[in-house]
Amino acid sequence: METSRSGSWFTVMKRVERSAWFQGFIISIIVVAALTVGAKTYSLPYGIDTAINYLDNFITVFFLVELSLRFIACDDKRRFFRDPWNVFDTVIVLGSLVPISDTEMILVARLLRVFRVLRLVSIIPDLRFLINALLKAIPKMGYIALLMFIIFYIFAAVGSIFFHHVNETLWGDIAISMLTLFRVATFEDWTDVMYETMEVYPFSWIFYIIFIFLTAFVFLNMMVGVVLDVMTRETAQEEHENQENHHQALVTQISELQAQVARLADKIDAQQERKD
């Protein structure tokens, strides 16, 4: 009897944890938590500030209860902490339990409360998919970033050699030249830099056009292409896994139906033997 009751409670908790309305309620609480963090950056009256503190404490307790519910509703408790998003949520929730006043960890506690907004990523599947795809694209993007650094270094060396006497503040050494080129790559008043060097070197515009073409068009499109390629692969893999899970579920249902049919056939045969 107790086993059936515990099983029913477990089933109810799983249904509640996986229900759409509960997920929507969690998202709304996360949004409210973000608003409370932003409200604390203003100078508020004592009453409102006290109410926000009580609300923050309620949100912290709610997140702890919600995490405990997710852990209890999980079929495999060990597998729960193998998911990086569950580990992330656990760190954020447990870190939020640190008292935010009269402690040496006040800055850490406030930062963890700010990071509670990132729980939207762990709650919404589409956001998790985007972050996972971005993380998997980082190794390939690293090679592109290395190639960009080489281009920046070469152009910075050329700019420092030819333009240092034009404006030593912008082209004095290779480090300053790389900062100037970063300004050019982000299109932040880059024409002022170009026109200044064109007064001494009229054809220096070729230098800037080639650099902008490489950095702003070629490498940027390469970055986007890498991310899209990873996302396409992740989508195909997810669809393949869903198809396999659906196929496995169908096989399981068919096996159960076959077993039921076999039991019914045995019962019918037994009844006929009794009649005979």
Protein backbone atom coordinates (compact mmCIF):
# COMPACT_ATOMS: atom_id res chain seq x y z
CA MET A 1 0.00 0.00 0.00
CA GLU A 2 2.80 2.42 0.94
CA THR A 3 4.69 1.48 -2.20
CA SER A 4 1.68 2.31 -4.38
CA ARG A 5 1.21 5.64 -2.60
CA SER A 6 4.87 6.57 -3.05
CA GLY A 7 4.64 5.55 -6.69
CA SER A 8 1.57 7.70 -7.21
CA TRP A 9 3.26 10.68 -5.53
CA PHE A 10 6.31 10.14 -7.72
CA THR A 11 4.10 10.08 -10.82
CA VAL A 12 2.32 13.26 -9.75
CA MET A 13 5.63 15.04 -9.12
CA LYS A 14 6.90 14.01 -12.55
CA ARG A 15 3.74 15.30 -14.20
CA VAL A 16 3.95 18.61 -12.33
CA GLU A 17 7.66 19.06 -13.08
CA ARG A 18 7.19 18.35 -16.79
CA SER A 19 3.94 20.27 -17.25
CA ALA A 20 3.89 23.32 -19.50
CA TRP A 21 2.20 25.55 -16.93
CA PHE A 22 4.86 24.78 -14.32
CA GLN A 23 7.66 25.56 -16.78
CA GLY A 24 5.93 28.82 -17.67
CA PHE A 25 5.60 29.67 -13.98
CA ILE A 26 9.34 29.06 -13.46
CA ILE A 27 10.16 31.34 -16.41
CA SER A 28 7.98 34.08 -14.92
CA ILE A 29 9.74 33.70 -11.55
CA ILE A 30 13.14 33.99 -13.26
CA VAL A 31 11.98 37.19 -14.98
CA VAL A 32 10.77 38.57 -11.63
CA ALA A 33 14.14 37.64 -10.10
CA ALA A 34 15.90 39.59 -12.85
CA LEU A 35 13.67 42.60 -12.18
CA THR A 36 14.42 42.48 -8.44
CA VAL A 37 18.17 42.47 -9.15
CA GLY A 38 17.74 45.49 -11.42
CA ALA A 39 15.53 47.27 -8.88
CA LYS A 40 18.23 46.98 -6.22
CA THR A 41 20.53 49.16 -8.32
CA TYR A 42 18.22 52.14 -7.65
CA SER A 43 17.80 54.17 -4.49
CA LEU A 44 14.38 53.04 -3.29
CA PRO A 45 12.25 53.97 -0.27
CA TYR A 46 12.70 51.80 2.81
CA GLY A 47 9.34 50.05 2.44
CA ILE A 48 9.85 49.10 -1.20
CA ASP A 49 13.41 47.97 -0.52
CA THR A 50 12.20 45.75 2.33
CA ALA A 51 9.47 44.26 0.12
CA ILE A 52 12.02 43.52 -2.59
CA ASN A 53 14.25 41.77 -0.04
CA TYR A 54 11.34 39.57 1.09
CA LEU A 55 10.53 38.84 -2.55
CA ASP A 56 14.16 37.92 -3.21
CA ASN A 57 14.14 35.51 -0.26
CA PHE A 58 10.92 33.93 -1.55
CA ILE A 59 12.45 33.49 -5.02
CA THR A 60 15.54 31.87 -3.51
CA VAL A 61 13.43 29.38 -1.53
CA PHE A 62 11.26 28.71 -4.59
CA PHE A 63 14.30 27.90 -6.73
CA LEU A 64 15.53 25.52 -4.03
CA VAL A 65 12.14 23.75 -3.92
CA GLU A 66 11.97 23.63 -7.73
CA LEU A 67 15.47 22.12 -7.97
CA SER A 68 14.60 19.55 -5.29
CA LEU A 69 11.42 18.66 -7.22
CA ARG A 70 13.41 18.16 -10.42
CA PHE A 71 15.90 15.96 -8.59
CA ILE A 72 13.19 13.83 -6.97
CA ALA A 73 11.27 13.50 -10.25
CA CYS A 74 14.39 12.33 -12.09
CA ASP A 75 14.38 8.57 -12.73
CA ASP A 76 18.16 8.23 -12.52
CA LYS A 77 19.57 10.35 -9.68
CA ARG A 78 23.18 9.83 -10.80
CA ARG A 79 22.36 10.91 -14.32
CA PHE A 80 20.84 14.13 -12.97
CA PHE A 81 24.26 15.57 -12.12
CA ARG A 82 25.80 14.36 -15.36
CA ASP A 83 23.82 17.04 -17.15
CA PRO A 84 25.93 20.25 -17.13
CA TRP A 85 22.78 22.40 -17.03
CA ASN A 86 21.61 20.68 -13.85
CA VAL A 87 25.02 21.27 -12.29
CA PHE A 88 24.84 24.91 -13.35
CA ASP A 89 21.39 25.32 -11.80
CA THR A 90 22.56 23.64 -8.60
CA VAL A 91 25.54 25.98 -8.24
CA ILE A 92 23.39 29.06 -8.87
CA VAL A 93 20.64 27.98 -6.47
CA LEU A 94 22.96 26.89 -3.67
CA GLY A 95 25.08 30.01 -4.15
CA SER A 96 21.96 32.15 -3.80
CA LEU A 97 21.48 30.74 -0.29
CA VAL A 98 24.56 32.65 0.86
CA PRO A 99 23.40 35.61 3.00
CA ILE A 100 23.73 38.81 1.01
CA SER A 101 24.47 41.13 3.94
CA ASP A 102 27.13 41.31 6.65
CA THR A 103 29.35 38.71 4.99
CA GLU A 104 32.69 38.76 3.20
CA MET A 105 31.06 36.92 0.28
CA ILE A 106 28.57 39.71 -0.42
CA LEU A 107 29.92 40.37 -3.93
CA VAL A 108 29.86 36.66 -4.82
CA ALA A 109 26.30 36.35 -3.49
CA ARG A 110 25.16 39.33 -5.55
CA LEU A 111 26.84 37.98 -8.67
CA LEU A 112 25.15 34.61 -8.22
CA ARG A 113 21.82 36.37 -7.87
CA VAL A 114 22.52 38.19 -11.13
CA PHE A 115 23.41 34.89 -12.82
CA ARG A 116 20.00 33.51 -11.87
CA VAL A 117 18.78 35.18 -15.06
CA LEU A 118 20.87 32.63 -16.99
CA ARG A 119 18.53 29.94 -15.72
CA LEU A 120 16.30 30.93 -18.61
CA VAL A 121 18.86 29.18 -20.81
CA SER A 122 18.60 25.94 -18.83
CA ILE A 123 14.79 26.08 -18.74
CA ILE A 124 14.05 26.90 -22.40
CA PRO A 125 15.15 24.02 -24.71
CA ASP A 126 15.72 26.25 -27.76
CA LEU A 127 18.14 28.45 -25.81
CA ARG A 128 19.98 25.35 -24.54
CA PHE A 129 20.28 24.17 -28.15
CA LEU A 130 21.78 27.51 -29.25
CA ILE A 131 24.30 27.59 -26.38
CA ASN A 132 25.33 23.96 -26.93
CA ALA A 133 25.83 24.63 -30.63
CA LEU A 134 27.87 27.74 -29.87
CA LEU A 135 30.09 25.86 -27.40
CA LYS A 136 30.70 23.08 -29.90
CA ALA A 137 31.60 25.67 -32.55
CA ILE A 138 34.23 27.34 -30.34
CA PRO A 139 37.13 24.99 -31.32
CA LYS A 140 36.66 25.75 -35.04
CA MET A 141 36.08 29.42 -34.31
CA GLY A 142 39.36 29.40 -32.38
CA TYR A 143 41.31 28.63 -35.55
CA ILE A 144 39.52 31.46 -37.35
CA ALA A 145 40.32 33.79 -34.44
CA LEU A 146 43.98 32.74 -34.64
CA LEU A 147 44.03 33.52 -38.36
CA MET A 148 42.39 36.89 -37.64
CA PHE A 149 45.09 37.62 -35.05
CA ILE A 150 47.77 36.89 -37.65
CA ILE A 151 46.10 39.29 -40.10
CA PHE A 152 45.79 41.93 -37.39
CA TYR A 153 49.45 41.48 -36.45
CA ILE A 154 50.68 41.80 -40.05
CA PHE A 155 48.59 44.89 -40.80
CA ALA A 156 49.51 46.43 -37.44
CA ALA A 157 53.20 45.96 -38.20
CA VAL A 158 52.76 47.54 -41.64
CA GLY A 159 50.74 50.41 -40.20
CA SER A 160 53.27 51.06 -37.45
CA ILE A 161 56.10 51.16 -39.99
CA PHE A 162 54.44 53.55 -42.43
CA PHE A 163 52.07 55.63 -40.29
CA HIS A 164 53.85 56.09 -36.94
CA HIS A 165 55.10 59.55 -37.94
CA VAL A 166 51.59 60.54 -39.10
CA ASN A 167 49.97 59.95 -35.71
CA GLU A 168 52.10 58.35 -33.03
CA THR A 169 49.06 58.06 -30.74
CA LEU A 170 47.38 55.66 -33.17
CA TRP A 171 50.39 53.99 -34.81
CA GLY A 172 53.21 54.39 -32.26
CA ASP A 173 53.87 50.66 -31.78
CA ILE A 174 52.39 47.36 -32.85
CA ALA A 175 50.13 47.03 -29.80
CA ILE A 176 48.60 50.50 -30.30
CA SER A 177 48.33 49.79 -34.02
CA MET A 178 46.32 46.64 -33.32
CA LEU A 179 43.92 48.66 -31.16
CA THR A 180 43.59 51.18 -33.98
CA LEU A 181 42.87 48.39 -36.45
CA PHE A 182 40.24 47.01 -34.09
CA ARG A 183 38.64 50.44 -34.18
CA VAL A 184 38.74 50.30 -37.97
CA ALA A 185 37.27 46.78 -38.02
CA THR A 186 34.34 47.91 -35.85
CA PHE A 187 33.77 50.95 -38.14
CA GLU A 188 34.15 53.36 -35.21
CA ASP A 189 35.13 56.64 -36.98
CA TRP A 190 37.52 54.66 -39.14
CA THR A 191 37.30 57.18 -41.97
CA ASP A 192 38.96 59.81 -39.74
CA VAL A 193 41.94 57.48 -39.36
CA MET A 194 42.05 56.79 -43.09
CA TYR A 195 41.81 60.46 -44.17
CA GLU A 196 44.58 61.38 -41.76
CA THR A 197 47.02 58.93 -43.35
CA MET A 198 45.80 59.78 -46.87
CA GLU A 199 47.11 63.33 -46.40
CA VAL A 200 50.63 61.84 -46.39
CA TYR A 201 50.03 58.64 -48.36
CA PRO A 202 47.20 59.26 -50.89
CA PHE A 203 46.89 55.57 -51.75
CA SER A 204 46.74 54.40 -48.13
CA TRP A 205 43.00 53.79 -48.60
CA ILE A 206 43.99 50.50 -50.25
CA PHE A 207 45.45 49.39 -46.91
CA TYR A 208 42.14 50.01 -45.09
CA ILE A 209 39.91 48.56 -47.80
CA ILE A 210 41.86 45.29 -47.92
CA PHE A 211 41.89 45.04 -44.11
CA ILE A 212 38.16 45.72 -43.78
CA PHE A 213 37.37 43.28 -46.57
CA LEU A 214 39.30 40.51 -44.80
CA THR A 215 38.08 41.13 -41.25
CA ALA A 216 34.55 42.48 -41.60
CA PHE A 217 33.42 40.34 -44.52
CA VAL A 218 35.54 37.22 -44.98
CA PHE A 219 36.26 36.25 -41.36
CA LEU A 220 32.86 37.32 -40.06
CA ASN A 221 31.12 35.18 -42.67
CA MET A 222 33.45 32.32 -41.81
CA MET A 223 32.40 32.60 -38.15
CA VAL A 224 28.73 32.60 -39.08
CA GLY A 225 29.27 29.66 -41.43
CA VAL A 226 30.91 27.59 -38.69
CA VAL A 227 28.05 28.25 -36.26
CA LEU A 228 25.42 27.42 -38.88
CA ASP A 229 27.24 24.22 -39.81
CA VAL A 230 27.33 23.08 -36.17
CA MET A 231 23.67 23.99 -35.67
CA THR A 232 22.69 22.03 -38.79
CA ARG A 233 24.55 18.98 -37.53
CA GLU A 234 23.03 19.29 -34.07
CA THR A 235 19.54 19.57 -35.56
CA ALA A 236 20.08 16.49 -37.73
CA GLN A 237 21.44 14.54 -34.76
CA GLU A 238 18.51 15.57 -32.56
CA GLU A 239 16.01 14.54 -35.23
CA HIS A 240 17.80 11.20 -35.63
CA GLU A 241 17.68 10.61 -31.86
CA ASN A 242 13.99 11.52 -31.76
CA GLN A 243 13.27 9.07 -34.58
CA GLU A 244 15.19 6.32 -32.79
CA ASN A 245 13.35 7.01 -29.54
CA HIS A 246 10.02 6.96 -31.37
CA HIS A 247 10.96 3.71 -33.10
CA GLN A 248 11.99 2.18 -29.78
CA ALA A 249 8.73 3.28 -28.19
CA LEU A 250 6.77 1.67 -31.03
CA VAL A 251 8.76 -1.56 -30.68
CA THR A 252 8.05 -1.57 -26.94
CA GLN A 253 4.32 -1.00 -27.50
CA ILE A 254 4.19 -3.76 -30.11
CA SER A 255 5.98 -6.14 -27.75
CA GLU A 256 3.52 -5.32 -24.98
CA LEU A 257 0.58 -5.87 -27.34
CA GLN A 258 2.03 -9.19 -28.46
CA ALA A 259 2.44 -10.24 -24.84
CA GLN A 260 -1.17 -9.28 -24.06
CA VAL A 261 -2.43 -11.15 -27.11
CA ALA A 262 -0.43 -14.20 -26.05
CA ARG A 263 -1.90 -14.06 -22.54
CA LEU A 264 -5.41 -13.72 -23.94
CA ALA A 265 -4.79 -16.67 -26.25
CA ASP A 266 -3.57 -18.75 -23.30
CA LYS A 267 -6.68 -17.82 -21.30
CA ILE A 268 -8.96 -18.73 -24.21
CA ASP A 269 -7.17 -22.05 -24.66
CA ALA A 270 -7.44 -22.75 -20.93
CA GLN A 271 -11.17 -21.99 -20.92
CA GLN A 272 -11.76 -24.22 -23.92
CA GLU A 273 -9.84 -27.07 -22.25
CA ARG A 274 -12.01 -26.70 -19.15
CA LYS A 275 -15.16 -26.86 -21.27
CA ASP A 276 -13.90 -29.93 -23.05
